[in-house]
Every structure is written in structure tokens, then in C-alpha cells.
């Protein structure tokens, strides 16, 4: 099932197989879906919840 459509994880637009970036929003495409989770978890918020309390 290699010819399944690929969709941008950011905007949901269908992208061509082998694309490096989404042509709609510019998000970099990851070839391995497992990397999406690790990348999302490594991004830290600019303002933490503790800072918001002040």
C-alpha cells in the first residue's frame, strides 16, 4: 500500500509522495510518522504554565 495519499500534519492538504515541504503551508514533511510524536514532544512553549500564574 505504498501509493496511499499523504497529508500535511499541519494543514491537512494532500501532498505529493516524496515532497519535503507542504506546498500549502510550508510545513516540513517527515518520512517516518514516528518522528512526528518525538518532534511535537520536544517543542517547548514560549511561556510556561508557571510563568502564566504571575
PDB file of N, CA and C in Angstrom:
ATOM      1  N   UNK A   1       0.834  -1.199   0.000  1.00  0.00           N
ATOM      2  CA  UNK A   1       0.000   0.000   0.000  1.00  0.00           C
ATOM      3  C   UNK A   1       0.869   1.250   0.000  1.00  0.00           C
ATOM      4  N   UNK A   2       1.831   1.302  -0.876  1.00  0.00           N
ATOM      5  CA  UNK A   2       2.742   2.422  -0.931  1.00  0.00           C
ATOM      6  C   UNK A   2       2.136   3.643  -1.595  1.00  0.00           C
ATOM      7  N   UNK A   3       1.073   3.475  -2.365  1.00  0.00           N
ATOM      8  CA  UNK A   3       0.505   4.607  -3.076  1.00  0.00           C
ATOM      9  C   UNK A   3      -0.696   5.206  -2.356  1.00  0.00           C
ATOM     10  N   UNK A   4      -0.686   5.177  -1.021  1.00  0.00           N
ATOM     11  CA  UNK A   4      -1.726   5.849  -0.261  1.00  0.00           C
ATOM     12  C   UNK A   4      -1.420   7.344  -0.268  1.00  0.00           C
ATOM     13  N   UNK A   5      -2.446   8.172  -0.288  1.00  0.00           N
ATOM     14  CA  UNK A   5      -2.194   9.615  -0.283  1.00  0.00           C
ATOM     15  C   UNK A   5      -1.541  10.056   1.025  1.00  0.00           C
ATOM     16  N   UNK A   6      -0.722  11.089   0.945  1.00  0.00           N
ATOM     17  CA  UNK A   6      -0.066  11.652   2.115  1.00  0.00           C
ATOM     18  C   UNK A   6      -0.672  13.017   2.375  1.00  0.00           C
ATOM     19  N   UNK A   7      -0.893  13.323   3.641  1.00  0.00           N
ATOM     20  CA  UNK A   7      -1.497  14.591   4.022  1.00  0.00           C
ATOM     21  C   UNK A   7      -0.582  15.344   4.977  1.00  0.00           C
ATOM     22  N   UNK A   8      -0.599  16.651   4.885  1.00  0.00           N
ATOM     23  CA  UNK A   8       0.194  17.505   5.764  1.00  0.00           C
ATOM     24  C   UNK A   8      -0.348  17.400   7.189  1.00  0.00           C
ATOM     25  N   UNK A   9       0.519  17.155   8.174  1.00  0.00           N
ATOM     26  CA  UNK A   9       0.060  17.070   9.559  1.00  0.00           C
ATOM     27  C   UNK A   9      -0.359  18.423  10.129  1.00  0.00           C
ATOM     28  N   UNK A  10       0.022  19.510   9.465  1.00  0.00           N
ATOM     29  CA  UNK A  10      -0.311  20.846   9.950  1.00  0.00           C
ATOM     30  C   UNK A  10      -1.634  21.358   9.390  1.00  0.00           C
ATOM     31  N   UNK A  11      -1.792  21.314   8.058  1.00  0.00           N
ATOM     32  CA  UNK A  11      -2.989  21.904   7.439  1.00  0.00           C
ATOM     33  C   UNK A  11      -3.940  20.873   6.843  1.00  0.00           C
ATOM     34  N   UNK A  12      -3.476  19.620   6.681  1.00  0.00           N
ATOM     35  CA  UNK A  12      -4.338  18.566   6.173  1.00  0.00           C
ATOM     36  C   UNK A  12      -4.412  18.460   4.662  1.00  0.00           C
ATOM     37  N   UNK A  13      -3.694  19.301   3.936  1.00  0.00           N
ATOM     38  CA  UNK A  13      -3.729  19.254   2.470  1.00  0.00           C
ATOM     39  C   UNK A  13      -2.991  18.018   1.975  1.00  0.00           C
ATOM     40  N   UNK A  14      -3.536  17.388   0.932  1.00  0.00           N
ATOM     41  CA  UNK A  14      -2.868  16.239   0.326  1.00  0.00           C
ATOM     42  C   UNK A  14      -1.607  16.717  -0.379  1.00  0.00           C
ATOM     43  N   UNK A  15      -0.509  15.993  -0.162  1.00  0.00           N
ATOM     44  CA  UNK A  15       0.756  16.367  -0.784  1.00  0.00           C
ATOM     45  C   UNK A  15       1.277  15.225  -1.640  1.00  0.00           C
ATOM     46  N   UNK A  16       2.147  15.554  -2.587  1.00  0.00           N
ATOM     47  CA  UNK A  16       2.725  14.548  -3.474  1.00  0.00           C
ATOM     48  C   UNK A  16       3.713  13.686  -2.704  1.00  0.00           C
ATOM     49  N   UNK A  17       3.781  12.401  -3.068  1.00  0.00           N
ATOM     50  CA  UNK A  17       4.730  11.489  -2.444  1.00  0.00           C
ATOM     51  C   UNK A  17       6.142  11.997  -2.669  1.00  0.00           C
ATOM     52  N   UNK A  18       6.953  11.963  -1.640  1.00  0.00           N
ATOM     53  CA  UNK A  18       8.337  12.400  -1.748  1.00  0.00           C
ATOM     54  C   UNK A  18       8.548  13.883  -1.520  1.00  0.00           C
ATOM     55  N   UNK A  19       7.477  14.638  -1.284  1.00  0.00           N
ATOM     56  CA  UNK A  19       7.622  16.073  -1.045  1.00  0.00           C
ATOM     57  C   UNK A  19       8.335  16.314   0.279  1.00  0.00           C
ATOM     58  N   UNK A  20       9.172  17.335   0.312  1.00  0.00           N
ATOM     59  CA  UNK A  20       9.894  17.680   1.528  1.00  0.00           C
ATOM     60  C   UNK A  20       9.102  18.696   2.342  1.00  0.00           C
ATOM     61  N   UNK A  21       8.381  19.587   1.648  1.00  0.00           N
ATOM     62  CA  UNK A  21       7.580  20.603   2.309  1.00  0.00           C
ATOM     63  C   UNK A  21       6.162  20.594   1.760  1.00  0.00           C
ATOM     64  N   UNK A  22       5.192  20.991   2.584  1.00  0.00           N
ATOM     65  CA  UNK A  22       3.808  21.142   2.141  1.00  0.00           C
ATOM     66  C   UNK A  22       3.737  22.372   1.240  1.00  0.00           C
ATOM     67  N   UNK A  23       3.127  22.225   0.076  1.00  0.00           N
ATOM     68  CA  UNK A  23       3.013  23.350  -0.851  1.00  0.00           C
ATOM     69  C   UNK A  23       1.962  24.362  -0.400  1.00  0.00           C
ATOM     70  N   UNK A  24       1.122  23.994   0.561  1.00  0.00           N
ATOM     71  CA  UNK A  24       0.083  24.893   1.043  1.00  0.00           C
ATOM     72  C   UNK A  24       0.565  25.767   2.203  1.00  0.00           C
ATOM     73  N   UNK A  25       1.195  25.147   3.221  1.00  0.00           N
ATOM     74  CA  UNK A  25       1.576  25.913   4.409  1.00  0.00           C
ATOM     75  C   UNK A  25       3.077  25.946   4.673  1.00  0.00           C
ATOM     76  N   UNK A  26       3.855  25.124   3.956  1.00  0.00           N
ATOM     77  CA  UNK A  26       5.306  25.152   4.104  1.00  0.00           C
ATOM     78  C   UNK A  26       5.866  24.276   5.206  1.00  0.00           C
ATOM     79  N   UNK A  27       5.017  23.502   5.868  1.00  0.00           N
ATOM     80  CA  UNK A  27       5.490  22.624   6.931  1.00  0.00           C
ATOM     81  C   UNK A  27       6.402  21.552   6.358  1.00  0.00           C
ATOM     82  N   UNK A  28       7.519  21.286   7.052  1.00  0.00           N
ATOM     83  CA  UNK A  28       8.440  20.251   6.603  1.00  0.00           C
ATOM     84  C   UNK A  28       7.802  18.891   6.847  1.00  0.00           C
ATOM     85  N   UNK A  29       7.852  18.044   5.823  1.00  0.00           N
ATOM     86  CA  UNK A  29       7.276  16.714   5.913  1.00  0.00           C
ATOM     87  C   UNK A  29       8.294  15.747   6.502  1.00  0.00           C
ATOM     88  N   UNK A  30       7.820  14.845   7.328  1.00  0.00           N
ATOM     89  CA  UNK A  30       8.652  13.802   7.912  1.00  0.00           C
ATOM     90  C   UNK A  30       8.339  12.508   7.199  1.00  0.00           C
ATOM     91  N   UNK A  31       9.356  11.757   6.828  1.00  0.00           N
ATOM     92  CA  UNK A  31       9.148  10.484   6.142  1.00  0.00           C
ATOM     93  C   UNK A  31       8.680   9.391   7.082  1.00  0.00           C
ATOM     94  N   UNK A  32       9.001   9.504   8.363  1.00  0.00           N
ATOM     95  CA  UNK A  32       8.625   8.482   9.325  1.00  0.00           C
ATOM     96  C   UNK A  32       7.618   9.070  10.298  1.00  0.00           C
ATOM     97  N   UNK A  33       6.392   8.542  10.333  1.00  0.00           N
ATOM     98  CA  UNK A  33       5.366   9.073  11.230  1.00  0.00           C
ATOM     99  C   UNK A  33       5.778   9.062  12.696  1.00  0.00           C
ATOM    100  N   UNK A  34       6.661   8.152  13.102  1.00  0.00           N
ATOM    101  CA  UNK A  34       7.095   8.085  14.494  1.00  0.00           C
ATOM    102  C   UNK A  34       7.810   9.369  14.907  1.00  0.00           C
ATOM    103  N   UNK A  35       8.438  10.059  13.963  1.00  0.00           N
ATOM    104  CA  UNK A  35       9.143  11.293  14.272  1.00  0.00           C
ATOM    105  C   UNK A  35       8.199  12.435  14.612  1.00  0.00           C
ATOM    106  N   UNK A  36       6.962  12.383  14.143  1.00  0.00           N
ATOM    107  CA  UNK A  36       6.005  13.444  14.444  1.00  0.00           C
ATOM    108  C   UNK A  36       5.818  13.582  15.945  1.00  0.00           C
ATOM    109  N   UNK A  37       5.656  12.455  16.637  1.00  0.00           N
ATOM    110  CA  UNK A  37       5.428  12.476  18.070  1.00  0.00           C
ATOM    111  C   UNK A  37       6.648  13.003  18.798  1.00  0.00           C
ATOM    112  N   UNK A  38       7.832  12.517  18.450  1.00  0.00           N
ATOM    113  CA  UNK A  38       9.035  12.966  19.139  1.00  0.00           C
ATOM    114  C   UNK A  38       9.292  14.444  18.875  1.00  0.00           C
ATOM    115  N   UNK A  39       9.016  14.918  17.677  1.00  0.00           N
ATOM    116  CA  UNK A  39       9.200  16.326  17.360  1.00  0.00           C
ATOM    117  C   UNK A  39       8.199  17.177  18.134  1.00  0.00           C
ATOM    118  N   UNK A  40       6.962  16.750  18.188  1.00  0.00           N
ATOM    119  CA  UNK A  40       5.934  17.503  18.896  1.00  0.00           C
ATOM    120  C   UNK A  40       6.241  17.571  20.386  1.00  0.00           C
ATOM    121  N   UNK A  41       6.775  16.501  20.946  1.00  0.00           N
ATOM    122  CA  UNK A  41       7.086  16.480  22.366  1.00  0.00           C
ATOM    123  C   UNK A  41       8.321  17.303  22.699  1.00  0.00           C
ATOM    124  N   UNK A  42       9.203  17.529  21.760  1.00  0.00           N
ATOM    125  CA  UNK A  42      10.427  18.270  22.032  1.00  0.00           C
ATOM    126  C   UNK A  42      10.228  19.782  21.955  1.00  0.00           C
ATOM    127  N   UNK A  43       9.120  20.238  21.404  1.00  0.00           N
ATOM    128  CA  UNK A  43       8.847  21.666  21.302  1.00  0.00           C
ATOM    129  C   UNK A  43       8.348  22.163  22.650  1.00  0.00           C
ATOM    130  N   UNK A  44       9.009  23.181  23.165  1.00  0.00           N
ATOM    131  CA  UNK A  44       8.623  23.717  24.466  1.00  0.00           C
ATOM    132  C   UNK A  44       7.858  25.025  24.271  1.00  0.00           C
ATOM    133  N   UNK A  45       6.852  25.256  25.092  1.00  0.00           N
ATOM    134  CA  UNK A  45       6.093  26.502  24.964  1.00  0.00           C
ATOM    135  C   UNK A  45       6.962  27.699  25.322  1.00  0.00           C
ATOM    136  N   UNK A  46       6.689  28.822  24.688  1.00  0.00           N
ATOM    137  CA  UNK A  46       7.438  30.045  24.945  1.00  0.00           C
ATOM    138  C   UNK A  46       7.198  30.516  26.377  1.00  0.00           C
ATOM    139  N   UNK A  47       5.955  30.447  26.825  1.00  0.00           N
ATOM    140  CA  UNK A  47       5.589  30.830  28.181  1.00  0.00           C
ATOM    141  C   UNK A  47       5.080  29.583  28.882  1.00  0.00           C
ATOM    142  N   UNK A  48       5.693  29.245  30.007  1.00  0.00           N
ATOM    143  CA  UNK A  48       5.279  28.050  30.737  1.00  0.00           C
ATOM    144  C   UNK A  48       4.038  28.350  31.574  1.00  0.00           C
ATOM    145  N   UNK A  49       3.390  27.302  32.016  1.00  0.00           N
ATOM    146  CA  UNK A  49       2.201  27.467  32.855  1.00  0.00           C
ATOM    147  C   UNK A  49       2.560  28.191  34.152  1.00  0.00           C
ATOM    148  N   UNK A  50       3.729  27.910  34.697  1.00  0.00           N
ATOM    149  CA  UNK A  50       4.157  28.565  35.934  1.00  0.00           C
ATOM    150  C   UNK A  50       4.323  30.069  35.730  1.00  0.00           C
ATOM    151  N   UNK A  51       4.858  30.476  34.585  1.00  0.00           N
ATOM    152  CA  UNK A  51       5.040  31.894  34.293  1.00  0.00           C
ATOM    153  C   UNK A  51       3.701  32.595  34.098  1.00  0.00           C
ATOM    154  N   UNK A  52       2.714  31.893  33.619  1.00  0.00           N
ATOM    155  CA  UNK A  52       1.396  32.497  33.387  1.00  0.00           C
ATOM    156  C   UNK A  52       0.705  32.873  34.692  1.00  0.00           C
ATOM    157  N   UNK A  53       1.065  32.225  35.791  1.00  0.00           N
ATOM    158  CA  UNK A  53       0.424  32.485  37.078  1.00  0.00           C
ATOM    159  C   UNK A  53       0.800  33.852  37.631  1.00  0.00           C
ATOM    160  N   UNK A  54       1.914  34.408  37.180  1.00  0.00           N
ATOM    161  CA  UNK A  54       2.382  35.682  37.722  1.00  0.00           C
ATOM    162  C   UNK A  54       1.758  36.827  37.054  1.00  0.00           C
TER     163      UNK A  54
END
